[in-house]
């Protein structure tokens, strides 16, 4: 399921059995945070979702409202006995989580992307 929450923010949700993945793109700000909060909490509360991973690869910016949502979802995951992971944190979002000393609270999945020239079958280097 793909959704655009506002002009600067997008979401793609995927379910793989008990594992749910939410891929974010753009900017997580006070404008997009309420809808993101609702989406992540709904995904986490779903009986079919036992593990929620939020992919940050295409996220350019996160403000303090975005950090607050991540902490809230982390707390909710613990209450519900479910796993919550962050993946593919880059530059600014990683820096913000590091400088606020919040990064160590989260489970981080290390996932790599294939090189650009190998990302599609039949593409030659």
PDB file of N, CA and C in Angstrom:
ATOM      1  N   UNK A   1       0.842  -1.173   0.000  1.00  0.00           N
ATOM      2  CA  UNK A   1       0.000   0.000   0.000  1.00  0.00           C
ATOM      3  C   UNK A   1       0.890   1.239   0.000  1.00  0.00           C
ATOM      4  N   UNK A   2       0.728   2.122  -0.948  1.00  0.00           N
ATOM      5  CA  UNK A   2       1.487   3.365  -1.017  1.00  0.00           C
ATOM      6  C   UNK A   2       0.552   4.520  -0.685  1.00  0.00           C
ATOM      7  N   UNK A   3       1.088   5.486   0.037  1.00  0.00           N
ATOM      8  CA  UNK A   3       0.280   6.643   0.403  1.00  0.00           C
ATOM      9  C   UNK A   3       1.169   7.864   0.477  1.00  0.00           C
ATOM     10  N   UNK A   4       0.610   8.992   0.140  1.00  0.00           N
ATOM     11  CA  UNK A   4       1.310  10.257   0.299  1.00  0.00           C
ATOM     12  C   UNK A   4       0.567  11.033   1.367  1.00  0.00           C
ATOM     13  N   UNK A   5       1.249  11.315   2.480  1.00  0.00           N
ATOM     14  CA  UNK A   5       0.578  11.979   3.593  1.00  0.00           C
ATOM     15  C   UNK A   5       0.536  13.480   3.412  1.00  0.00           C
ATOM     16  N   UNK A   6       1.504  14.036   2.770  1.00  0.00           N
ATOM     17  CA  UNK A   6       1.488  15.432   2.353  1.00  0.00           C
ATOM     18  C   UNK A   6       2.484  15.553   1.217  1.00  0.00           C
ATOM     19  N   UNK A   7       2.637  16.728   0.686  1.00  0.00           N
ATOM     20  CA  UNK A   7       3.444  16.869  -0.529  1.00  0.00           C
ATOM     21  C   UNK A   7       4.918  16.539  -0.329  1.00  0.00           C
ATOM     22  N   UNK A   8       5.404  16.578   0.916  1.00  0.00           N
ATOM     23  CA  UNK A   8       6.814  16.327   1.180  1.00  0.00           C
ATOM     24  C   UNK A   8       7.082  14.996   1.856  1.00  0.00           C
ATOM     25  N   UNK A   9       6.066  14.125   1.934  1.00  0.00           N
ATOM     26  CA  UNK A   9       6.216  12.909   2.702  1.00  0.00           C
ATOM     27  C   UNK A   9       5.434  11.770   2.079  1.00  0.00           C
ATOM     28  N   UNK A  10       6.043  10.588   2.011  1.00  0.00           N
ATOM     29  CA  UNK A  10       5.360   9.425   1.442  1.00  0.00           C
ATOM     30  C   UNK A  10       5.595   8.178   2.274  1.00  0.00           C
ATOM     31  N   UNK A  11       4.700   7.196   2.100  1.00  0.00           N
ATOM     32  CA  UNK A  11       4.749   5.954   2.862  1.00  0.00           C
ATOM     33  C   UNK A  11       4.393   4.791   1.942  1.00  0.00           C
ATOM     34  N   UNK A  12       5.119   3.676   2.096  1.00  0.00           N
ATOM     35  CA  UNK A  12       4.764   2.430   1.433  1.00  0.00           C
ATOM     36  C   UNK A  12       4.746   1.353   2.511  1.00  0.00           C
ATOM     37  N   UNK A  13       3.627   0.626   2.625  1.00  0.00           N
ATOM     38  CA  UNK A  13       3.486  -0.429   3.627  1.00  0.00           C
ATOM     39  C   UNK A  13       3.489  -1.789   2.942  1.00  0.00           C
ATOM     40  N   UNK A  14       4.222  -2.741   3.536  1.00  0.00           N
ATOM     41  CA  UNK A  14       4.277  -4.103   3.017  1.00  0.00           C
ATOM     42  C   UNK A  14       4.109  -5.075   4.173  1.00  0.00           C
ATOM     43  N   UNK A  15       3.353  -6.140   3.941  1.00  0.00           N
ATOM     44  CA  UNK A  15       3.215  -7.209   4.927  1.00  0.00           C
ATOM     45  C   UNK A  15       3.852  -8.459   4.361  1.00  0.00           C
ATOM     46  N   UNK A  16       4.674  -9.100   5.180  1.00  0.00           N
ATOM     47  CA  UNK A  16       5.303 -10.373   4.811  1.00  0.00           C
ATOM     48  C   UNK A  16       5.054 -11.337   5.956  1.00  0.00           C
ATOM     49  N   UNK A  17       3.860 -11.905   5.985  1.00  0.00           N
ATOM     50  CA  UNK A  17       3.478 -12.762   7.100  1.00  0.00           C
ATOM     51  C   UNK A  17       3.325 -11.929   8.356  1.00  0.00           C
ATOM     52  N   UNK A  18       4.055 -12.309   9.405  1.00  0.00           N
ATOM     53  CA  UNK A  18       3.980 -11.588  10.683  1.00  0.00           C
ATOM     54  C   UNK A  18       4.877 -10.362  10.701  1.00  0.00           C
ATOM     55  N   UNK A  19       5.652 -10.160   9.625  1.00  0.00           N
ATOM     56  CA  UNK A  19       6.545  -9.001   9.553  1.00  0.00           C
ATOM     57  C   UNK A  19       5.909  -7.906   8.712  1.00  0.00           C
ATOM     58  N   UNK A  20       5.867  -6.704   9.271  1.00  0.00           N
ATOM     59  CA  UNK A  20       5.331  -5.534   8.571  1.00  0.00           C
ATOM     60  C   UNK A  20       6.471  -4.551   8.344  1.00  0.00           C
ATOM     61  N   UNK A  21       6.481  -3.954   7.181  1.00  0.00           N
ATOM     62  CA  UNK A  21       7.517  -2.990   6.833  1.00  0.00           C
ATOM     63  C   UNK A  21       6.836  -1.713   6.361  1.00  0.00           C
ATOM     64  N   UNK A  22       7.306  -0.585   6.889  1.00  0.00           N
ATOM     65  CA  UNK A  22       6.816   0.720   6.472  1.00  0.00           C
ATOM     66  C   UNK A  22       8.025   1.493   5.954  1.00  0.00           C
ATOM     67  N   UNK A  23       8.021   1.785   4.660  1.00  0.00           N
ATOM     68  CA  UNK A  23       9.110   2.541   4.047  1.00  0.00           C
ATOM     69  C   UNK A  23       8.677   3.999   3.917  1.00  0.00           C
ATOM     70  N   UNK A  24       9.492   4.874   4.487  1.00  0.00           N
ATOM     71  CA  UNK A  24       9.177   6.303   4.493  1.00  0.00           C
ATOM     72  C   UNK A  24      10.040   7.043   3.488  1.00  0.00           C
ATOM     73  N   UNK A  25       9.539   8.180   3.015  1.00  0.00           N
ATOM     74  CA  UNK A  25      10.339   9.026   2.124  1.00  0.00           C
ATOM     75  C   UNK A  25       9.996  10.487   2.391  1.00  0.00           C
ATOM     76  N   UNK A  26      10.993  11.341   2.156  1.00  0.00           N
ATOM     77  CA  UNK A  26      10.775  12.780   2.292  1.00  0.00           C
ATOM     78  C   UNK A  26      11.144  13.311   3.651  1.00  0.00           C
ATOM     79  N   UNK A  27      10.280  14.190   4.178  1.00  0.00           N
ATOM     80  CA  UNK A  27      10.543  14.917   5.423  1.00  0.00           C
ATOM     81  C   UNK A  27       9.485  14.582   6.470  1.00  0.00           C
ATOM     82  N   UNK A  28       9.944  14.188   7.652  1.00  0.00           N
ATOM     83  CA  UNK A  28       9.031  13.921   8.766  1.00  0.00           C
ATOM     84  C   UNK A  28       9.032  15.171   9.639  1.00  0.00           C
ATOM     85  N   UNK A  29       7.921  15.892   9.607  1.00  0.00           N
ATOM     86  CA  UNK A  29       7.807  17.170  10.319  1.00  0.00           C
ATOM     87  C   UNK A  29       6.525  17.198  11.141  1.00  0.00           C
ATOM     88  N   UNK A  30       6.320  18.287  11.822  1.00  0.00           N
ATOM     89  CA  UNK A  30       5.102  18.476  12.613  1.00  0.00           C
ATOM     90  C   UNK A  30       3.851  18.337  11.739  1.00  0.00           C
ATOM     91  N   UNK A  31       3.963  18.605  10.456  1.00  0.00           N
ATOM     92  CA  UNK A  31       2.825  18.483   9.539  1.00  0.00           C
ATOM     93  C   UNK A  31       2.487  17.034   9.219  1.00  0.00           C
ATOM     94  N   UNK A  32       3.499  16.202   9.045  1.00  0.00           N
ATOM     95  CA  UNK A  32       3.263  14.800   8.676  1.00  0.00           C
ATOM     96  C   UNK A  32       3.204  13.869   9.884  1.00  0.00           C
ATOM     97  N   UNK A  33       3.701  14.308  11.022  1.00  0.00           N
ATOM     98  CA  UNK A  33       3.803  13.445  12.199  1.00  0.00           C
ATOM     99  C   UNK A  33       2.479  12.874  12.709  1.00  0.00           C
ATOM    100  N   UNK A  34       1.399  13.643  12.798  1.00  0.00           N
ATOM    101  CA  UNK A  34       0.149  13.041  13.307  1.00  0.00           C
ATOM    102  C   UNK A  34      -0.331  11.854  12.467  1.00  0.00           C
ATOM    103  N   UNK A  35      -0.278  11.974  11.143  1.00  0.00           N
ATOM    104  CA  UNK A  35      -0.704  10.870  10.280  1.00  0.00           C
ATOM    105  C   UNK A  35       0.254   9.689  10.380  1.00  0.00           C
ATOM    106  N   UNK A  36       1.552   9.970  10.484  1.00  0.00           N
ATOM    107  CA  UNK A  36       2.537   8.902  10.628  1.00  0.00           C
ATOM    108  C   UNK A  36       2.318   8.165  11.945  1.00  0.00           C
ATOM    109  N   UNK A  37       2.073   8.900  13.004  1.00  0.00           N
ATOM    110  CA  UNK A  37       1.803   8.294  14.316  1.00  0.00           C
ATOM    111  C   UNK A  37       0.628   7.331  14.221  1.00  0.00           C
ATOM    112  N   UNK A  38      -0.470   7.784  13.641  1.00  0.00           N
ATOM    113  CA  UNK A  38      -1.660   6.951  13.492  1.00  0.00           C
ATOM    114  C   UNK A  38      -1.353   5.689  12.699  1.00  0.00           C
ATOM    115  N   UNK A  39      -0.668   5.842  11.585  1.00  0.00           N
ATOM    116  CA  UNK A  39      -0.339   4.702  10.727  1.00  0.00           C
ATOM    117  C   UNK A  39       0.521   3.684  11.462  1.00  0.00           C
ATOM    118  N   UNK A  40       1.595   4.136  12.108  1.00  0.00           N
ATOM    119  CA  UNK A  40       2.515   3.206  12.778  1.00  0.00           C
ATOM    120  C   UNK A  40       1.829   2.494  13.943  1.00  0.00           C
ATOM    121  N   UNK A  41       1.033   3.212  14.716  1.00  0.00           N
ATOM    122  CA  UNK A  41       0.338   2.573  15.834  1.00  0.00           C
ATOM    123  C   UNK A  41      -0.714   1.577  15.348  1.00  0.00           C
ATOM    124  N   UNK A  42      -1.395   1.892  14.251  1.00  0.00           N
ATOM    125  CA  UNK A  42      -2.374   0.953  13.686  1.00  0.00           C
ATOM    126  C   UNK A  42      -1.677  -0.313  13.204  1.00  0.00           C
ATOM    127  N   UNK A  43      -0.549  -0.136  12.529  1.00  0.00           N
ATOM    128  CA  UNK A  43       0.204  -1.300  12.038  1.00  0.00           C
ATOM    129  C   UNK A  43       0.654  -2.163  13.210  1.00  0.00           C
ATOM    130  N   UNK A  44       1.157  -1.535  14.231  1.00  0.00           N
ATOM    131  CA  UNK A  44       1.665  -2.249  15.402  1.00  0.00           C
ATOM    132  C   UNK A  44       0.547  -2.978  16.139  1.00  0.00           C
ATOM    133  N   UNK A  45      -0.632  -2.398  16.195  1.00  0.00           N
ATOM    134  CA  UNK A  45      -1.744  -2.997  16.914  1.00  0.00           C
ATOM    135  C   UNK A  45      -2.458  -4.096  16.128  1.00  0.00           C
ATOM    136  N   UNK A  46      -2.116  -4.226  14.854  1.00  0.00           N
ATOM    137  CA  UNK A  46      -2.711  -5.277  14.038  1.00  0.00           C
ATOM    138  C   UNK A  46      -2.264  -6.648  14.555  1.00  0.00           C
ATOM    139  N   UNK A  47      -3.212  -7.569  14.683  1.00  0.00           N
ATOM    140  CA  UNK A  47      -2.874  -8.904  15.192  1.00  0.00           C
ATOM    141  C   UNK A  47      -1.945  -9.658  14.242  1.00  0.00           C
ATOM    142  N   UNK A  48      -1.966  -9.320  12.971  1.00  0.00           N
ATOM    143  CA  UNK A  48      -1.108 -10.015  12.008  1.00  0.00           C
ATOM    144  C   UNK A  48       0.333  -9.494  12.006  1.00  0.00           C
ATOM    145  N   UNK A  49       0.577  -8.362  12.629  1.00  0.00           N
ATOM    146  CA  UNK A  49       1.919  -7.759  12.643  1.00  0.00           C
ATOM    147  C   UNK A  49       2.602  -8.035  13.986  1.00  0.00           C
ATOM    148  N   UNK A  50       3.617  -8.894  13.952  1.00  0.00           N
ATOM    149  CA  UNK A  50       4.374  -9.210  15.166  1.00  0.00           C
ATOM    150  C   UNK A  50       5.709  -8.477  15.208  1.00  0.00           C
ATOM    151  N   UNK A  51       6.137  -7.985  14.059  1.00  0.00           N
ATOM    152  CA  UNK A  51       7.407  -7.266  13.956  1.00  0.00           C
ATOM    153  C   UNK A  51       7.225  -6.112  12.973  1.00  0.00           C
ATOM    154  N   UNK A  52       7.484  -4.894  13.432  1.00  0.00           N
ATOM    155  CA  UNK A  52       7.330  -3.705  12.590  1.00  0.00           C
ATOM    156  C   UNK A  52       8.699  -3.096  12.330  1.00  0.00           C
ATOM    157  N   UNK A  53       9.043  -2.946  11.051  1.00  0.00           N
ATOM    158  CA  UNK A  53      10.296  -2.315  10.656  1.00  0.00           C
ATOM    159  C   UNK A  53       9.982  -1.043   9.896  1.00  0.00           C
ATOM    160  N   UNK A  54      10.635   0.045  10.291  1.00  0.00           N
ATOM    161  CA  UNK A  54      10.468   1.321   9.603  1.00  0.00           C
ATOM    162  C   UNK A  54      11.753   1.602   8.840  1.00  0.00           C
ATOM    163  N   UNK A  55      11.632   1.687   7.521  1.00  0.00           N
ATOM    164  CA  UNK A  55      12.760   1.908   6.620  1.00  0.00           C
ATOM    165  C   UNK A  55      12.910   3.412   6.376  1.00  0.00           C
ATOM    166  N   UNK A  56      14.057   3.943   6.745  1.00  0.00           N
ATOM    167  CA  UNK A  56      14.331   5.380   6.645  1.00  0.00           C
ATOM    168  C   UNK A  56      15.196   5.746   5.448  1.00  0.00           C
ATOM    169  N   UNK A  57      15.433   4.819   4.524  1.00  0.00           N
ATOM    170  CA  UNK A  57      16.418   5.079   3.476  1.00  0.00           C
ATOM    171  C   UNK A  57      16.149   6.354   2.680  1.00  0.00           C
ATOM    172  N   UNK A  58      14.890   6.660   2.421  1.00  0.00           N
ATOM    173  CA  UNK A  58      14.571   7.834   1.606  1.00  0.00           C
ATOM    174  C   UNK A  58      14.117   9.034   2.433  1.00  0.00           C
ATOM    175  N   UNK A  59      14.356   8.992   3.737  1.00  0.00           N
ATOM    176  CA  UNK A  59      13.994  10.109   4.610  1.00  0.00           C
ATOM    177  C   UNK A  59      15.143  11.109   4.637  1.00  0.00           C
ATOM    178  N   UNK A  60      14.834  12.349   4.306  1.00  0.00           N
ATOM    179  CA  UNK A  60      15.838  13.407   4.252  1.00  0.00           C
ATOM    180  C   UNK A  60      15.971  14.158   5.566  1.00  0.00           C
ATOM    181  N   UNK A  61      14.861  14.226   6.327  1.00  0.00           N
ATOM    182  CA  UNK A  61      14.825  15.101   7.492  1.00  0.00           C
ATOM    183  C   UNK A  61      13.813  14.571   8.501  1.00  0.00           C
ATOM    184  N   UNK A  62      14.148  14.671   9.775  1.00  0.00           N
ATOM    185  CA  UNK A  62      13.220  14.330  10.862  1.00  0.00           C
ATOM    186  C   UNK A  62      13.321  15.435  11.894  1.00  0.00           C
ATOM    187  N   UNK A  63      12.168  15.971  12.332  1.00  0.00           N
ATOM    188  CA  UNK A  63      12.204  16.967  13.406  1.00  0.00           C
ATOM    189  C   UNK A  63      11.860  16.294  14.730  1.00  0.00           C
ATOM    190  N   UNK A  64      11.776  17.074  15.791  1.00  0.00           N
ATOM    191  CA  UNK A  64      11.554  16.516  17.123  1.00  0.00           C
ATOM    192  C   UNK A  64      10.199  15.814  17.246  1.00  0.00           C
ATOM    193  N   UNK A  65       9.210  16.222  16.466  1.00  0.00           N
ATOM    194  CA  UNK A  65       7.918  15.536  16.515  1.00  0.00           C
ATOM    195  C   UNK A  65       8.048  14.115  15.971  1.00  0.00           C
ATOM    196  N   UNK A  66       8.901  13.936  14.979  1.00  0.00           N
ATOM    197  CA  UNK A  66       9.164  12.599  14.440  1.00  0.00           C
ATOM    198  C   UNK A  66       9.865  11.718  15.456  1.00  0.00           C
ATOM    199  N   UNK A  67      10.808  12.297  16.202  1.00  0.00           N
ATOM    200  CA  UNK A  67      11.490  11.535  17.260  1.00  0.00           C
ATOM    201  C   UNK A  67      10.497  11.100  18.333  1.00  0.00           C
ATOM    202  N   UNK A  68       9.598  12.001  18.699  1.00  0.00           N
ATOM    203  CA  UNK A  68       8.599  11.683  19.722  1.00  0.00           C
ATOM    204  C   UNK A  68       7.727  10.510  19.286  1.00  0.00           C
ATOM    205  N   UNK A  69       7.366  10.460  18.017  1.00  0.00           N
ATOM    206  CA  UNK A  69       6.557   9.361  17.499  1.00  0.00           C
ATOM    207  C   UNK A  69       7.322   8.051  17.570  1.00  0.00           C
ATOM    208  N   UNK A  70       8.592   8.077  17.207  1.00  0.00           N
ATOM    209  CA  UNK A  70       9.386   6.850  17.263  1.00  0.00           C
ATOM    210  C   UNK A  70       9.473   6.306  18.683  1.00  0.00           C
ATOM    211  N   UNK A  71       9.659   7.183  19.648  1.00  0.00           N
ATOM    212  CA  UNK A  71       9.715   6.756  21.052  1.00  0.00           C
ATOM    213  C   UNK A  71       8.351   6.203  21.487  1.00  0.00           C
ATOM    214  N   UNK A  72       7.274   6.864  21.078  1.00  0.00           N
ATOM    215  CA  UNK A  72       5.932   6.388  21.429  1.00  0.00           C
ATOM    216  C   UNK A  72       5.658   5.004  20.834  1.00  0.00           C
ATOM    217  N   UNK A  73       6.035   4.801  19.581  1.00  0.00           N
ATOM    218  CA  UNK A  73       5.811   3.507  18.934  1.00  0.00           C
ATOM    219  C   UNK A  73       6.695   2.434  19.579  1.00  0.00           C
ATOM    220  N   UNK A  74       7.918   2.793  19.940  1.00  0.00           N
ATOM    221  CA  UNK A  74       8.794   1.848  20.632  1.00  0.00           C
ATOM    222  C   UNK A  74       8.155   1.400  21.951  1.00  0.00           C
ATOM    223  N   UNK A  75       7.639   2.349  22.726  1.00  0.00           N
ATOM    224  CA  UNK A  75       6.989   2.014  23.995  1.00  0.00           C
ATOM    225  C   UNK A  75       5.764   1.131  23.759  1.00  0.00           C
ATOM    226  N   UNK A  76       4.966   1.457  22.747  1.00  0.00           N
ATOM    227  CA  UNK A  76       3.780   0.660  22.432  1.00  0.00           C
ATOM    228  C   UNK A  76       4.172  -0.759  22.015  1.00  0.00           C
ATOM    229  N   UNK A  77       5.259  -0.893  21.277  1.00  0.00           N
ATOM    230  CA  UNK A  77       5.698  -2.229  20.841  1.00  0.00           C
ATOM    231  C   UNK A  77       6.063  -3.087  22.053  1.00  0.00           C
ATOM    232  N   UNK A  78       6.679  -2.482  23.029  1.00  0.00           N
ATOM    233  CA  UNK A  78       7.057  -3.227  24.236  1.00  0.00           C
ATOM    234  C   UNK A  78       5.815  -3.631  25.040  1.00  0.00           C
ATOM    235  N   UNK A  79       4.843  -2.737  25.123  1.00  0.00           N
ATOM    236  CA  UNK A  79       3.593  -3.047  25.833  1.00  0.00           C
ATOM    237  C   UNK A  79       2.877  -4.221  25.169  1.00  0.00           C
ATOM    238  N   UNK A  80       2.880  -4.249  23.831  1.00  0.00           N
ATOM    239  CA  UNK A  80       2.185  -5.293  23.073  1.00  0.00           C
ATOM    240  C   UNK A  80       3.046  -6.532  22.852  1.00  0.00           C
ATOM    241  N   UNK A  81       4.295  -6.514  23.312  1.00  0.00           N
ATOM    242  CA  UNK A  81       5.187  -7.663  23.147  1.00  0.00           C
ATOM    243  C   UNK A  81       5.589  -7.913  21.710  1.00  0.00           C
ATOM    244  N   UNK A  82       5.735  -6.842  20.950  1.00  0.00           N
ATOM    245  CA  UNK A  82       6.097  -6.961  19.534  1.00  0.00           C
ATOM    246  C   UNK A  82       7.454  -6.309  19.282  1.00  0.00           C
ATOM    247  N   UNK A  83       8.080  -6.689  18.182  1.00  0.00           N
ATOM    248  CA  UNK A  83       9.383  -6.140  17.819  1.00  0.00           C
ATOM    249  C   UNK A  83       9.204  -4.864  17.002  1.00  0.00           C
ATOM    250  N   UNK A  84      10.087  -3.899  17.242  1.00  0.00           N
ATOM    251  CA  UNK A  84      10.091  -2.644  16.484  1.00  0.00           C
ATOM    252  C   UNK A  84      11.525  -2.350  16.080  1.00  0.00           C
ATOM    253  N   UNK A  85      11.738  -2.174  14.780  1.00  0.00           N
ATOM    254  CA  UNK A  85      13.085  -1.965  14.248  1.00  0.00           C
ATOM    255  C   UNK A  85      13.130  -0.728  13.360  1.00  0.00           C
ATOM    256  N   UNK A  86      14.278  -0.094  13.338  1.00  0.00           N
ATOM    257  CA  UNK A  86      14.576   0.949  12.360  1.00  0.00           C
ATOM    258  C   UNK A  86      15.567   0.354  11.381  1.00  0.00           C
ATOM    259  N   UNK A  87      15.454   0.723  10.120  1.00  0.00           N
ATOM    260  CA  UNK A  87      16.425   0.224   9.146  1.00  0.00           C
ATOM    261  C   UNK A  87      16.861   1.329   8.195  1.00  0.00           C
ATOM    262  N   UNK A  88      18.066   1.160   7.708  1.00  0.00           N
ATOM    263  CA  UNK A  88      18.688   2.005   6.680  1.00  0.00           C
ATOM    264  C   UNK A  88      18.648   3.498   7.023  1.00  0.00           C
ATOM    265  N   UNK A  89      19.005   3.797   8.268  1.00  0.00           N
ATOM    266  CA  UNK A  89      19.112   5.203   8.684  1.00  0.00           C
ATOM    267  C   UNK A  89      20.279   5.857   7.967  1.00  0.00           C
ATOM    268  N   UNK A  90      20.079   7.038   7.475  1.00  0.00           N
ATOM    269  CA  UNK A  90      21.123   7.767   6.765  1.00  0.00           C
ATOM    270  C   UNK A  90      21.288   9.155   7.355  1.00  0.00           C
ATOM    271  N   UNK A  91      22.443   9.721   7.129  1.00  0.00           N
ATOM    272  CA  UNK A  91      22.826  11.097   7.407  1.00  0.00           C
ATOM    273  C   UNK A  91      22.028  11.813   8.486  1.00  0.00           C
ATOM    274  N   UNK A  92      21.163  12.727   8.112  1.00  0.00           N
ATOM    275  CA  UNK A  92      20.477  13.581   9.091  1.00  0.00           C
ATOM    276  C   UNK A  92      19.637  12.813  10.110  1.00  0.00           C
ATOM    277  N   UNK A  93      18.783  11.881   9.679  1.00  0.00           N
ATOM    278  CA  UNK A  93      18.011  11.146  10.691  1.00  0.00           C
ATOM    279  C   UNK A  93      18.911  10.394  11.685  1.00  0.00           C
ATOM    280  N   UNK A  94      19.961   9.760  11.194  1.00  0.00           N
ATOM    281  CA  UNK A  94      20.891   9.051  12.080  1.00  0.00           C
ATOM    282  C   UNK A  94      21.567  10.041  13.030  1.00  0.00           C
ATOM    283  N   UNK A  95      22.022  11.146  12.495  1.00  0.00           N
ATOM    284  CA  UNK A  95      22.702  12.151  13.310  1.00  0.00           C
ATOM    285  C   UNK A  95      21.792  12.653  14.433  1.00  0.00           C
ATOM    286  N   UNK A  96      20.534  12.921  14.105  1.00  0.00           N
ATOM    287  CA  UNK A  96      19.584  13.402  15.110  1.00  0.00           C
ATOM    288  C   UNK A  96      19.367  12.366  16.212  1.00  0.00           C
ATOM    289  N   UNK A  97      19.210  11.110  15.836  1.00  0.00           N
ATOM    290  CA  UNK A  97      19.033  10.058  16.837  1.00  0.00           C
ATOM    291  C   UNK A  97      20.301   9.871  17.680  1.00  0.00           C
ATOM    292  N   UNK A  98      21.458  10.029  17.069  1.00  0.00           N
ATOM    293  CA  UNK A  98      22.717   9.909  17.813  1.00  0.00           C
ATOM    294  C   UNK A  98      22.911  11.066  18.780  1.00  0.00           C
ATOM    295  N   UNK A  99      22.708  12.290  18.319  1.00  0.00           N
ATOM    296  CA  UNK A  99      22.961  13.458  19.172  1.00  0.00           C
ATOM    297  C   UNK A  99      21.953  13.589  20.310  1.00  0.00           C
ATOM    298  N   UNK A 100      20.758  13.067  20.129  1.00  0.00           N
ATOM    299  CA  UNK A 100      19.774  13.083  21.203  1.00  0.00           C
ATOM    300  C   UNK A 100      19.914  11.849  22.110  1.00  0.00           C
ATOM    301  N   UNK A 101      20.865  11.016  21.773  1.00  0.00           N
ATOM    302  CA  UNK A 101      21.163   9.786  22.524  1.00  0.00           C
ATOM    303  C   UNK A 101      19.972   8.834  22.580  1.00  0.00           C
ATOM    304  N   UNK A 102      19.193   8.831  21.516  1.00  0.00           N
ATOM    305  CA  UNK A 102      18.043   7.934  21.430  1.00  0.00           C
ATOM    306  C   UNK A 102      18.335   6.683  20.603  1.00  0.00           C
ATOM    307  N   UNK A 103      19.336   6.732  19.750  1.00  0.00           N
ATOM    308  CA  UNK A 103      19.589   5.629  18.823  1.00  0.00           C
ATOM    309  C   UNK A 103      19.771   4.303  19.552  1.00  0.00           C
ATOM    310  N   UNK A 104      20.455   4.313  20.686  1.00  0.00           N
ATOM    311  CA  UNK A 104      20.721   3.064  21.407  1.00  0.00           C
ATOM    312  C   UNK A 104      19.453   2.387  21.941  1.00  0.00           C
ATOM    313  N   UNK A 105      18.349   3.106  21.999  1.00  0.00           N
ATOM    314  CA  UNK A 105      17.095   2.522  22.470  1.00  0.00           C
ATOM    315  C   UNK A 105      16.445   1.602  21.435  1.00  0.00           C
ATOM    316  N   UNK A 106      16.784   1.803  20.169  1.00  0.00           N
ATOM    317  CA  UNK A 106      16.121   1.112  19.068  1.00  0.00           C
ATOM    318  C   UNK A 106      16.950  -0.051  18.551  1.00  0.00           C
ATOM    319  N   UNK A 107      16.245  -1.091  18.114  1.00  0.00           N
ATOM    320  CA  UNK A 107      16.902  -2.168  17.373  1.00  0.00           C
ATOM    321  C   UNK A 107      17.054  -1.670  15.952  1.00  0.00           C
ATOM    322  N   UNK A 108      18.263  -1.757  15.445  1.00  0.00           N
ATOM    323  CA  UNK A 108      18.519  -1.290  14.085  1.00  0.00           C
ATOM    324  C   UNK A 108      18.901  -2.464  13.216  1.00  0.00           C
ATOM    325  N   UNK A 109      18.191  -2.636  12.119  1.00  0.00           N
ATOM    326  CA  UNK A 109      18.504  -3.684  11.159  1.00  0.00           C
ATOM    327  C   UNK A 109      19.442  -3.111  10.114  1.00  0.00           C
ATOM    328  N   UNK A 110      20.509  -3.805   9.859  1.00  0.00           N
ATOM    329  CA  UNK A 110      21.446  -3.384   8.815  1.00  0.00           C
ATOM    330  C   UNK A 110      21.036  -4.065   7.517  1.00  0.00           C
ATOM    331  N   UNK A 111      20.554  -3.296   6.596  1.00  0.00           N
ATOM    332  CA  UNK A 111      20.151  -3.812   5.293  1.00  0.00           C
ATOM    333  C   UNK A 111      20.839  -2.985   4.233  1.00  0.00           C
ATOM    334  N   UNK A 112      21.367  -3.665   3.254  1.00  0.00           N
ATOM    335  CA  UNK A 112      22.071  -2.939   2.203  1.00  0.00           C
ATOM    336  C   UNK A 112      21.268  -2.974   0.921  1.00  0.00           C
ATOM    337  N   UNK A 113      21.452  -1.941   0.134  1.00  0.00           N
ATOM    338  CA  UNK A 113      20.854  -1.885  -1.194  1.00  0.00           C
ATOM    339  C   UNK A 113      21.844  -2.427  -2.199  1.00  0.00           C
ATOM    340  N   UNK A 114      21.356  -3.054  -3.252  1.00  0.00           N
ATOM    341  CA  UNK A 114      22.286  -3.451  -4.311  1.00  0.00           C
ATOM    342  C   UNK A 114      22.825  -2.205  -4.995  1.00  0.00           C
ATOM    343  N   UNK A 115      24.003  -2.289  -5.582  1.00  0.00           N
ATOM    344  CA  UNK A 115      24.517  -1.135  -6.334  1.00  0.00           C
ATOM    345  C   UNK A 115      23.508  -0.710  -7.397  1.00  0.00           C
ATOM    346  N   UNK A 116      23.492   0.557  -7.718  1.00  0.00           N
ATOM    347  CA  UNK A 116      22.499   1.117  -8.653  1.00  0.00           C
ATOM    348  C   UNK A 116      22.458   0.358  -9.974  1.00  0.00           C
ATOM    349  N   UNK A 117      23.603  -0.063 -10.482  1.00  0.00           N
ATOM    350  CA  UNK A 117      23.608  -0.740 -11.779  1.00  0.00           C
ATOM    351  C   UNK A 117      23.134  -2.194 -11.680  1.00  0.00           C
ATOM    352  N   UNK A 118      22.929  -2.716 -10.486  1.00  0.00           N
ATOM    353  CA  UNK A 118      22.456  -4.083 -10.323  1.00  0.00           C
ATOM    354  C   UNK A 118      21.057  -4.141  -9.721  1.00  0.00           C
ATOM    355  N   UNK A 119      20.420  -3.006  -9.575  1.00  0.00           N
ATOM    356  CA  UNK A 119      19.136  -2.972  -8.894  1.00  0.00           C
ATOM    357  C   UNK A 119      17.992  -3.555  -9.732  1.00  0.00           C
ATOM    358  N   UNK A 120      18.167  -3.637 -11.038  1.00  0.00           N
ATOM    359  CA  UNK A 120      17.128  -4.207 -11.893  1.00  0.00           C
ATOM    360  C   UNK A 120      17.700  -5.355 -12.698  1.00  0.00           C
ATOM    361  N   UNK A 121      16.956  -6.452 -12.821  1.00  0.00           N
ATOM    362  CA  UNK A 121      17.429  -7.571 -13.641  1.00  0.00           C
ATOM    363  C   UNK A 121      17.662  -7.117 -15.078  1.00  0.00           C
ATOM    364  N   UNK A 122      18.712  -7.630 -15.664  1.00  0.00           N
ATOM    365  CA  UNK A 122      18.999  -7.322 -17.051  1.00  0.00           C
ATOM    366  C   UNK A 122      19.783  -6.037 -17.263  1.00  0.00           C
ATOM    367  N   UNK A 123      20.130  -5.331 -16.187  1.00  0.00           N
ATOM    368  CA  UNK A 123      20.897  -4.107 -16.303  1.00  0.00           C
ATOM    369  C   UNK A 123      22.379  -4.455 -16.264  1.00  0.00           C
ATOM    370  N   UNK A 124      23.114  -3.944 -17.195  1.00  0.00           N
ATOM    371  CA  UNK A 124      24.536  -4.229 -17.235  1.00  0.00           C
ATOM    372  C   UNK A 124      25.313  -3.076 -16.630  1.00  0.00           C
ATOM    373  N   UNK A 125      26.469  -3.384 -16.007  1.00  0.00           N
ATOM    374  CA  UNK A 125      27.304  -2.314 -15.420  1.00  0.00           C
ATOM    375  C   UNK A 125      27.882  -1.391 -16.443  1.00  0.00           C
TER     376      UNK A 125
END
